[in-house]
Amino acid sequence: MPRTTTVESPGCPPFRALTFDVLGLVKVVEARGKQGGVPKVVERWGEPESRNCVLAASIDGCKRNPMLAVARKCGKIELLDPLNGDTRVVISDAIDTKPEDDPIIGLHVFRRERTEERSSRSCTLLSCTTKGNAVMRSFEVTDSPEDCVSTSTTNKWNVCAAGSVLCCKVDGSENYAVAGGKGVELNIWDLDKCSRMWTAKSPPKNNLGIFTPTWFTSATFLCKDDHRKVVAGTNSRQVRLYDISAQRRPVLSFDFRETPIKAVTEDIDGYTVYVGNGSGDLASFDMRTGKLLGCFLGKCSGSIRYISRHPDFPVIASCGLDSYLRLWDVKSRQLLSAVFLKQHLNSVLFDSGFADEEPVQNARDVTENEAQRHRVDETQYEDGTLLVKRKKKKKKKTHEEGRDHKTSGKENGGIEKLNRKKKIKRVKTLADDDAL
């Protein structure tokens, strides 16, 4: 069973998270209770196999007909039901090259619903590979297993001429996407037209005349409502802010620790980002000034590969090569809880449609439970262990008993005092007789 580490904290708010590892397993972690609970693994989907390693994942967490997309190392894209893990659609492109030569690094399920029918829904899916092959598919997903998918439109284009794409992200409005990688400058694409609208320019040489090669490892949009500002992390431990309305070069750049940046995630406030690197360091920055807001307490022992921000609660989740799912408080930057999941983790996603619905006991059940809890007689557990009887409470003394006790104490004290006087008088009499 997975180990769960608890720390001194109020606990985690109710949430549901999906984790994805290198063996292709999808594990569901939940924490229930409004007062704060300990997250636990409640479900596990799939069988462990290295060729089914999850490379990218995306979720459409709407309350009606939710959808989960998973891209695997074998080249398949699976659409799952995030509630029970049932496979709805399996997509596999027939290409000449092996899937290992051109793996999928970016995946996004669009939240737009085209129909209001319960039996089917339109799903739009965007995928991007390391060689820059971007594909946007739109199809109908039905509940019937005979014809579960019927593809309607497919658009293909290439986001780079050379190099390897390592990061791809869609903005909050789902109209634009950013891509970058090793030897690939950041470029922003208009998804409606499938055309490039902006390309970054490499920074100039430093004071020593050294040119930093292009190597982006992660990227995200700073604000969900504004696609003009992009934050990217590089292999040279730099965090850069690009503003496409100002210039092609970064408007802000700073270094973070000594290892490459592996994960960058934006906050819902529109100016804070969370940065994780290859040595397990996690910190938050204010991208308006580039100021370090603080590091999250609790050192991770492995590279951080993904950071996810909860849509409602001030909580972020991080995962990586140390096989731990960690929950952090955004305001205090304290570790709330950590769950050991055995395998190296590649991604974690929050289910925004999750609602904590615990059964509420009625007044009769509460009364019966309280009466059972306060029983004095012996009970026996299933394993044979006996419950020790409670000590009987001392009987309170009445006013009359207390007065009688005080009276008897005074009488006893008076008798002892009289006897002591008689004894002293007797000793004096003996002394006088001896003197005569």
Protein backbone atom coordinates (compact mmCIF):
# COMPACT_ATOMS: atom_id res chain seq x y z
CA MET A 1 0.00 0.00 0.00
CA PRO A 2 1.25 3.53 -0.72
CA ARG A 3 2.73 5.34 2.24
CA THR A 4 1.22 8.61 3.39
CA THR A 5 3.24 11.18 5.29
CA THR A 6 1.34 13.53 7.56
CA VAL A 7 2.74 16.74 8.94
CA GLU A 8 1.66 19.20 11.60
CA SER A 9 -0.89 21.19 9.65
CA PRO A 10 -4.64 21.77 9.60
CA GLY A 11 -4.87 19.23 6.79
CA CYS A 12 -5.69 19.35 3.11
CA PRO A 13 -8.93 20.79 1.78
CA PRO A 14 -11.22 18.34 -0.03
CA PHE A 15 -9.74 17.59 -3.45
CA ARG A 16 -9.39 14.88 -6.08
CA ALA A 17 -6.16 14.56 -8.06
CA LEU A 18 -5.04 12.22 -10.84
CA THR A 19 -1.37 11.23 -11.03
CA PHE A 20 0.44 9.68 -14.00
CA ASP A 21 3.70 7.73 -13.81
CA VAL A 22 6.35 6.13 -16.00
CA LEU A 23 4.66 2.70 -15.92
CA GLY A 24 1.41 4.01 -17.37
CA LEU A 25 -0.60 3.84 -14.15
CA VAL A 26 -3.23 6.42 -13.31
CA LYS A 27 -3.81 6.78 -9.58
CA VAL A 28 -6.64 8.72 -7.98
CA VAL A 29 -5.80 10.54 -4.75
CA GLU A 30 -8.59 12.03 -2.67
CA ALA A 31 -8.89 14.00 0.55
CA ARG A 32 -12.29 14.39 2.12
CA GLY A 33 -13.61 16.43 5.01
CA LYS A 34 -14.17 20.15 5.28
CA GLN A 35 -11.97 20.39 8.37
CA GLY A 36 -8.97 19.00 6.50
CA GLY A 37 -8.17 15.40 5.73
CA VAL A 38 -5.28 13.13 4.84
CA PRO A 39 -5.07 12.34 1.11
CA LYS A 40 -5.31 8.67 0.21
CA VAL A 41 -5.07 6.57 -2.94
CA VAL A 42 -8.60 5.39 -3.67
CA GLU A 43 -8.26 3.96 -7.19
CA ARG A 44 -5.63 2.68 -9.62
CA TRP A 45 -6.26 2.34 -13.35
CA GLY A 46 -4.24 0.28 -15.80
CA GLU A 47 -1.49 -2.31 -15.61
CA PRO A 48 2.19 -1.45 -15.13
CA GLU A 49 4.10 -1.52 -18.41
CA SER A 50 6.98 0.70 -19.48
CA ARG A 51 5.76 1.12 -23.07
CA ASN A 52 2.54 2.66 -21.70
CA CYS A 53 4.43 5.43 -19.90
CA VAL A 54 2.27 8.56 -19.69
CA LEU A 55 4.04 11.45 -21.43
CA ALA A 56 1.29 14.07 -21.28
CA ALA A 57 -2.22 14.40 -19.87
CA SER A 58 -5.10 16.86 -19.94
CA ILE A 59 -8.52 16.94 -18.31
CA ASP A 60 -11.80 18.63 -19.05
CA GLY A 61 -13.24 18.75 -15.56
CA CYS A 62 -16.76 19.86 -16.37
CA LYS A 63 -19.47 18.34 -14.21
CA ARG A 64 -21.32 16.99 -17.21
CA ASN A 65 -19.55 14.50 -19.48
CA PRO A 66 -15.97 15.09 -18.24
CA MET A 67 -13.09 13.81 -20.32
CA LEU A 68 -9.49 12.83 -19.60
CA ALA A 69 -6.86 12.55 -22.37
CA VAL A 70 -3.66 10.56 -21.86
CA ALA A 71 -0.74 10.35 -24.33
CA ARG A 72 1.42 7.25 -23.96
CA LYS A 73 4.92 6.34 -25.02
CA CYS A 74 3.65 3.72 -27.48
CA GLY A 75 2.09 6.50 -29.58
CA LYS A 76 -1.53 6.06 -28.48
CA ILE A 77 -3.84 8.74 -27.17
CA GLU A 78 -6.58 7.47 -24.88
CA LEU A 79 -9.71 9.31 -23.87
CA LEU A 80 -10.84 8.11 -20.44
CA ASP A 81 -13.73 8.78 -18.14
CA PRO A 82 -12.12 10.59 -15.16
CA LEU A 83 -14.82 9.26 -12.83
CA ASN A 84 -14.22 5.53 -13.27
CA GLY A 85 -11.28 5.19 -15.68
CA ASP A 86 -13.24 3.55 -18.50
CA THR A 87 -11.65 3.92 -21.94
CA ARG A 88 -13.85 5.85 -24.35
CA VAL A 89 -11.60 6.35 -27.38
CA VAL A 90 -8.16 5.11 -28.46
CA ILE A 91 -6.37 7.13 -31.16
CA SER A 92 -3.28 5.83 -32.92
CA ASP A 93 -1.79 7.61 -35.94
CA ALA A 94 -0.42 5.37 -38.67
CA ILE A 95 2.99 6.88 -39.32
CA ASP A 96 6.15 5.49 -40.84
CA THR A 97 8.43 6.30 -37.93
CA LYS A 98 8.38 4.55 -34.59
CA PRO A 99 6.47 6.27 -31.77
CA GLU A 100 9.65 6.29 -29.67
CA ASP A 101 11.36 8.49 -32.29
CA ASP A 102 8.66 11.16 -32.17
CA PRO A 103 6.86 11.02 -28.79
CA ILE A 104 4.00 13.31 -27.83
CA ILE A 105 5.05 16.06 -25.42
CA GLY A 106 1.96 18.29 -25.43
CA LEU A 107 -1.72 17.41 -25.07
CA HIS A 108 -4.81 19.50 -24.45
CA VAL A 109 -8.54 18.72 -24.30
CA PHE A 110 -10.66 21.72 -25.16
CA ARG A 111 -13.43 22.61 -22.75
CA ARG A 112 -15.84 23.82 -25.41
CA GLU A 113 -19.00 21.73 -25.59
CA ARG A 114 -20.64 21.62 -29.01
CA THR A 115 -23.81 19.81 -28.03
CA GLU A 116 -26.17 19.55 -25.10
CA GLU A 117 -27.18 15.94 -25.68
CA ARG A 118 -26.46 13.40 -22.98
CA SER A 119 -25.61 10.53 -25.32
CA SER A 120 -22.81 12.29 -27.18
CA ARG A 121 -20.54 15.31 -27.05
CA SER A 122 -18.07 16.95 -29.38
CA CYS A 123 -14.45 16.72 -28.28
CA THR A 124 -11.54 18.73 -29.66
CA LEU A 125 -8.04 17.51 -28.95
CA LEU A 126 -4.65 19.13 -29.65
CA SER A 127 -1.41 17.14 -29.60
CA CYS A 128 2.19 18.07 -30.39
CA THR A 129 5.27 15.86 -30.80
CA THR A 130 8.97 16.52 -30.24
CA LYS A 131 9.50 17.00 -34.00
CA GLY A 132 6.90 19.72 -34.03
CA ASN A 133 4.01 17.81 -35.59
CA ALA A 134 0.86 19.45 -34.25
CA VAL A 135 -2.54 17.85 -34.85
CA MET A 136 -5.96 19.21 -33.91
CA ARG A 137 -8.82 16.72 -34.03
CA SER A 138 -12.54 17.24 -33.58
CA PHE A 139 -14.85 14.25 -33.22
CA GLU A 140 -18.04 13.05 -31.63
CA VAL A 141 -17.78 10.76 -28.61
CA THR A 142 -20.83 8.62 -27.89
CA ASP A 143 -21.74 6.15 -25.18
CA SER A 144 -22.32 3.28 -27.56
CA PRO A 145 -19.25 1.02 -27.87
CA GLU A 146 -20.02 0.17 -31.54
CA ASP A 147 -19.34 3.63 -32.94
CA CYS A 148 -17.68 5.42 -30.05
CA VAL A 149 -15.95 8.00 -32.22
CA SER A 150 -16.48 9.56 -35.62
CA THR A 151 -13.78 11.98 -36.71
CA SER A 152 -15.09 15.13 -38.35
CA THR A 153 -12.09 17.43 -38.89
CA THR A 154 -8.33 17.12 -38.57
CA ASN A 155 -5.79 19.93 -38.98
CA LYS A 156 -2.04 19.30 -39.14
CA TRP A 157 0.88 21.70 -39.18
CA ASN A 158 4.50 21.93 -38.02
CA VAL A 159 5.58 24.32 -35.30
CA CYS A 160 9.33 24.14 -35.98
CA ALA A 161 11.68 23.48 -38.88
CA ALA A 162 14.50 22.03 -36.76
CA GLY A 163 15.27 21.13 -33.18
CA SER A 164 13.15 19.32 -30.60
CA VAL A 165 9.98 20.68 -29.05
CA LEU A 166 9.97 20.12 -25.29
CA CYS A 167 7.00 22.19 -24.09
CA CYS A 168 3.59 23.13 -25.42
CA LYS A 169 0.80 24.96 -23.59
CA VAL A 170 -2.65 26.35 -24.47
CA ASP A 171 -3.90 29.59 -22.92
CA GLY A 172 -7.04 30.04 -20.83
CA SER A 173 -9.19 31.22 -23.74
CA GLU A 174 -8.07 28.17 -25.76
CA ASN A 175 -7.41 30.32 -28.82
CA TYR A 176 -3.61 30.39 -28.68
CA ALA A 177 -0.78 27.96 -27.97
CA VAL A 178 2.91 28.42 -27.19
CA ALA A 179 5.68 25.96 -28.05
CA GLY A 180 9.45 25.87 -27.52
CA GLY A 181 12.28 23.47 -26.93
CA LYS A 182 15.91 22.63 -27.64
CA GLY A 183 16.94 24.73 -30.61
CA VAL A 184 13.36 26.00 -30.94
CA GLU A 185 12.57 29.57 -29.96
CA LEU A 186 9.26 30.29 -28.29
CA ASN A 187 6.50 30.80 -30.85
CA ILE A 188 2.81 31.52 -30.37
CA TRP A 189 0.20 30.08 -32.69
CA ASP A 190 -3.36 31.11 -33.51
CA LEU A 191 -5.31 27.87 -33.20
CA ASP A 192 -8.29 29.08 -35.22
CA LYS A 193 -6.12 29.84 -38.24
CA CYS A 194 -3.31 27.34 -37.45
CA SER A 195 -0.78 30.08 -38.20
CA ARG A 196 2.23 31.47 -36.33
CA MET A 197 1.65 34.97 -34.94
CA TRP A 198 4.84 35.63 -32.94
CA THR A 199 8.36 34.24 -32.55
CA ALA A 200 10.85 35.09 -29.81
CA LYS A 201 14.41 36.27 -30.37
CA SER A 202 17.45 34.96 -28.53
CA PRO A 203 18.95 37.21 -25.84
CA PRO A 204 22.24 38.95 -26.74
CA LYS A 205 25.64 37.75 -25.57
CA ASN A 206 26.62 38.43 -21.99
CA ASN A 207 29.51 40.59 -20.77
CA LEU A 208 32.00 37.80 -21.47
CA GLY A 209 30.77 37.39 -25.01
CA ILE A 210 29.17 34.03 -24.30
CA PHE A 211 26.00 33.17 -26.18
CA THR A 212 23.44 31.02 -24.37
CA PRO A 213 21.97 28.38 -26.71
CA THR A 214 18.21 28.10 -27.03
CA TRP A 215 16.87 25.41 -24.74
CA PHE A 216 13.39 25.86 -23.30
CA THR A 217 12.17 23.17 -20.92
CA SER A 218 8.77 24.57 -19.83
CA ALA A 219 6.42 27.42 -20.68
CA THR A 220 3.07 28.81 -19.61
CA PHE A 221 0.88 31.86 -20.08
CA LEU A 222 1.11 34.30 -17.18
CA CYS A 223 -2.59 35.16 -17.18
CA LYS A 224 -5.48 33.05 -18.41
CA ASP A 225 -7.21 36.08 -19.92
CA ASP A 226 -4.13 37.54 -21.61
CA HIS A 227 -2.13 35.57 -24.17
CA ARG A 228 0.46 38.33 -24.68
CA LYS A 229 2.62 37.45 -21.67
CA VAL A 230 4.46 34.13 -21.53
CA VAL A 231 6.75 32.76 -18.81
CA ALA A 232 9.35 30.16 -19.79
CA GLY A 233 12.02 28.15 -17.99
CA THR A 234 15.31 27.20 -19.63
CA ASN A 235 17.93 24.53 -19.25
CA SER A 236 20.38 27.25 -18.16
CA ARG A 237 18.34 27.79 -14.94
CA GLN A 238 16.73 31.00 -16.21
CA VAL A 239 13.15 32.16 -15.83
CA ARG A 240 12.11 34.55 -18.61
CA LEU A 241 9.07 36.74 -19.14
CA TYR A 242 8.08 37.58 -22.73
CA ASP A 243 5.59 40.26 -23.74
CA ILE A 244 4.66 39.91 -27.40
CA SER A 245 3.17 43.40 -27.45
CA ALA A 246 6.50 44.96 -26.37
CA GLN A 247 9.40 43.11 -28.01
CA ARG A 248 10.68 39.74 -29.17
CA ARG A 249 13.35 39.43 -26.48
CA PRO A 250 12.48 38.79 -22.83
CA VAL A 251 11.41 41.84 -20.83
CA LEU A 252 12.47 40.16 -17.56
CA SER A 253 14.99 37.40 -16.86
CA PHE A 254 16.53 35.99 -13.68
CA ASP A 255 18.30 32.85 -12.48
CA PHE A 256 16.94 30.32 -9.99
CA ARG A 257 19.39 28.09 -8.14
CA GLU A 258 21.91 25.94 -10.02
CA THR A 259 19.95 23.30 -11.96
CA PRO A 260 17.67 23.46 -15.06
CA ILE A 261 14.09 24.62 -14.69
CA LYS A 262 11.73 21.69 -15.15
CA ALA A 263 8.25 23.04 -14.38
CA VAL A 264 6.55 26.44 -14.50
CA THR A 265 2.91 27.02 -13.54
CA GLU A 266 0.92 30.22 -13.28
CA ASP A 267 -1.31 31.29 -10.40
CA ILE A 268 -4.90 32.45 -10.74
CA ASP A 269 -3.96 35.99 -9.59
CA GLY A 270 -2.33 36.72 -12.96
CA TYR A 271 1.19 37.66 -11.83
CA THR A 272 2.56 34.85 -9.61
CA VAL A 273 4.33 31.78 -11.00
CA TYR A 274 5.59 28.61 -9.34
CA VAL A 275 8.94 27.28 -10.48
CA GLY A 276 10.46 23.83 -9.88
CA ASN A 277 13.93 22.69 -10.94
CA GLY A 278 15.92 19.52 -11.38
CA SER A 279 17.20 19.40 -7.81
CA GLY A 280 13.76 19.51 -6.17
CA ASP A 281 13.61 23.22 -5.32
CA LEU A 282 10.18 24.86 -5.47
CA ALA A 283 9.58 28.60 -5.21
CA SER A 284 7.11 31.34 -6.15
CA PHE A 285 7.96 34.58 -7.97
CA ASP A 286 6.20 37.86 -8.61
CA MET A 287 6.63 38.37 -12.35
CA ARG A 288 5.80 42.07 -12.13
CA THR A 289 9.18 42.71 -10.51
CA GLY A 290 10.94 39.35 -10.63
CA LYS A 291 11.03 39.23 -6.83
CA LEU A 292 11.32 35.91 -5.05
CA LEU A 293 8.26 35.59 -2.84
CA GLY A 294 9.65 32.58 -1.02
CA CYS A 295 10.65 28.94 -1.24
CA PHE A 296 8.33 26.14 -0.24
CA LEU A 297 9.48 24.46 2.95
CA GLY A 298 10.18 20.74 2.71
CA LYS A 299 13.00 19.68 0.41
CA CYS A 300 12.07 17.32 -2.41
CA SER A 301 14.58 14.57 -3.02
CA GLY A 302 14.11 14.37 -6.80
CA SER A 303 13.54 16.47 -9.88
CA ILE A 304 10.17 18.22 -10.03
CA ARG A 305 8.39 17.38 -13.27
CA TYR A 306 4.99 18.98 -12.88
CA ILE A 307 3.21 21.62 -10.78
CA SER A 308 -0.56 21.99 -10.70
CA ARG A 309 -2.61 24.79 -9.12
CA HIS A 310 -5.98 23.98 -7.57
CA PRO A 311 -8.71 26.06 -9.24
CA ASP A 312 -10.55 26.88 -5.99
CA PHE A 313 -8.36 26.36 -2.93
CA PRO A 314 -4.94 28.02 -2.25
CA VAL A 315 -3.13 24.73 -2.81
CA ILE A 316 -0.61 23.51 -5.36
CA ALA A 317 0.50 19.95 -6.05
CA SER A 318 3.97 18.93 -7.21
CA CYS A 319 5.34 15.59 -8.34
CA GLY A 320 8.54 14.25 -9.80
CA LEU A 321 11.21 11.60 -9.74
CA ASP A 322 11.09 11.06 -5.97
CA SER A 323 7.71 9.30 -6.45
CA TYR A 324 5.94 11.63 -4.01
CA LEU A 325 2.82 13.67 -4.56
CA ARG A 326 3.18 16.73 -2.38
CA LEU A 327 0.48 19.22 -1.42
CA TRP A 328 1.54 22.76 -0.47
CA ASP A 329 -0.22 25.76 0.98
CA VAL A 330 0.19 28.74 -1.33
CA LYS A 331 0.05 31.45 1.34
CA SER A 332 2.27 29.96 4.04
CA ARG A 333 4.31 27.76 1.62
CA GLN A 334 4.09 24.92 4.14
CA LEU A 335 3.90 21.25 3.23
CA LEU A 336 0.38 19.98 3.90
CA SER A 337 0.86 16.32 3.06
CA ALA A 338 2.90 13.92 0.93
CA VAL A 339 1.80 10.61 -0.58
CA PHE A 340 4.33 8.03 -1.74
CA LEU A 341 3.17 6.48 -5.04
CA LYS A 342 6.06 4.06 -5.73
CA GLN A 343 6.76 5.04 -9.37
CA HIS A 344 8.38 8.11 -10.90
CA LEU A 345 5.63 10.65 -11.58
CA ASN A 346 5.34 12.70 -14.77
CA SER A 347 2.18 14.72 -14.19
CA VAL A 348 -0.62 15.54 -11.75
CA LEU A 349 -4.00 17.12 -12.49
CA PHE A 350 -6.76 18.37 -10.19
CA ASP A 351 -10.34 17.35 -10.92
CA SER A 352 -12.18 20.67 -10.82
CA GLY A 353 -15.57 18.95 -10.92
CA PHE A 354 -14.98 17.07 -7.67
CA ALA A 355 -17.40 17.79 -4.82
CA ASP A 356 -16.88 16.41 -1.33
CA GLU A 357 -20.14 14.68 -0.49
CA GLU A 358 -19.85 12.88 2.80
CA PRO A 359 -22.93 11.16 4.30
CA VAL A 360 -24.34 13.20 7.15
CA GLN A 361 -25.63 11.34 10.20
CA ASN A 362 -29.04 12.19 11.51
CA ALA A 363 -29.77 13.11 15.13
CA ARG A 364 -30.87 9.58 16.07
CA ASP A 365 -27.62 8.03 14.82
CA VAL A 366 -25.58 10.63 16.66
CA THR A 367 -27.49 9.94 19.89
CA GLU A 368 -26.99 6.19 19.57
CA ASN A 369 -23.28 6.65 18.86
CA GLU A 370 -22.85 8.89 21.88
CA ALA A 371 -24.69 6.41 24.12
CA GLN A 372 -22.56 3.54 22.84
CA ARG A 373 -19.39 5.54 23.34
CA HIS A 374 -20.25 6.29 27.00
CA ARG A 375 -21.16 2.73 28.02
CA VAL A 376 -19.36 1.42 31.09
CA ASP A 377 -19.66 -2.33 30.57
CA GLU A 378 -16.95 -4.40 28.92
CA THR A 379 -17.00 -4.85 25.15
CA GLN A 380 -14.83 -7.00 22.97
CA TYR A 381 -13.27 -6.26 19.58
CA GLU A 382 -13.20 -8.74 16.73
CA ASP A 383 -9.56 -9.63 17.41
CA GLY A 384 -10.39 -10.54 21.03
CA THR A 385 -9.01 -7.40 22.69
CA LEU A 386 -11.04 -6.27 25.69
CA LEU A 387 -11.94 -2.72 26.40
CA VAL A 388 -10.89 -1.69 29.90
CA LYS A 389 -13.69 -0.61 32.17
CA ARG A 390 -13.90 3.03 32.94
CA LYS A 391 -13.25 4.14 36.45
CA LYS A 392 -16.31 4.87 38.46
CA LYS A 393 -16.86 8.49 39.17
CA LYS A 394 -16.58 9.59 42.78
CA LYS A 395 -19.87 10.28 44.43
CA LYS A 396 -20.36 13.91 45.22
CA LYS A 397 -20.80 14.68 48.91
CA THR A 398 -23.97 16.33 50.00
CA HIS A 399 -24.08 19.40 52.18
CA GLU A 400 -25.22 17.40 55.22
CA GLU A 401 -22.43 14.82 54.81
CA GLY A 402 -19.84 17.58 54.51
CA ARG A 403 -21.14 19.30 57.64
CA ASP A 404 -21.10 16.04 59.60
CA HIS A 405 -17.55 15.40 58.41
CA LYS A 406 -16.41 18.85 59.56
CA THR A 407 -18.22 18.41 62.91
CA SER A 408 -16.62 15.04 63.59
CA GLY A 409 -13.24 16.50 62.71
CA LYS A 410 -13.68 19.31 65.24
CA GLU A 411 -14.82 16.90 67.95
CA ASN A 412 -11.83 14.64 67.36
CA GLY A 413 -9.50 17.64 67.49
CA GLY A 414 -11.00 18.79 70.80
CA ILE A 415 -10.59 15.35 72.41
CA GLU A 416 -6.96 15.15 71.34
CA LYS A 417 -6.28 18.62 72.77
CA LEU A 418 -7.88 17.66 76.14
CA ASN A 419 -5.85 14.46 76.36
CA ARG A 420 -2.67 16.39 75.63
CA LYS A 421 -3.42 18.85 78.51
CA LYS A 422 -4.09 15.98 80.92
CA LYS A 423 -0.80 14.36 79.92
CA ILE A 424 1.16 17.59 80.55
CA LYS A 425 -0.54 18.03 83.96
CA ARG A 426 0.32 14.45 84.94
CA VAL A 427 3.99 14.98 84.00
CA LYS A 428 4.18 18.15 86.15
CA THR A 429 2.67 16.32 89.15
CA LEU A 430 5.26 13.56 88.93
CA ALA A 431 8.04 16.13 88.72
CA ASP A 432 6.80 17.88 91.92
CA ASP A 433 6.64 14.57 93.82
CA ASP A 434 10.24 13.80 92.83
CA ALA A 435 11.33 17.20 94.09
CA LEU A 436 9.81 16.57 97.53
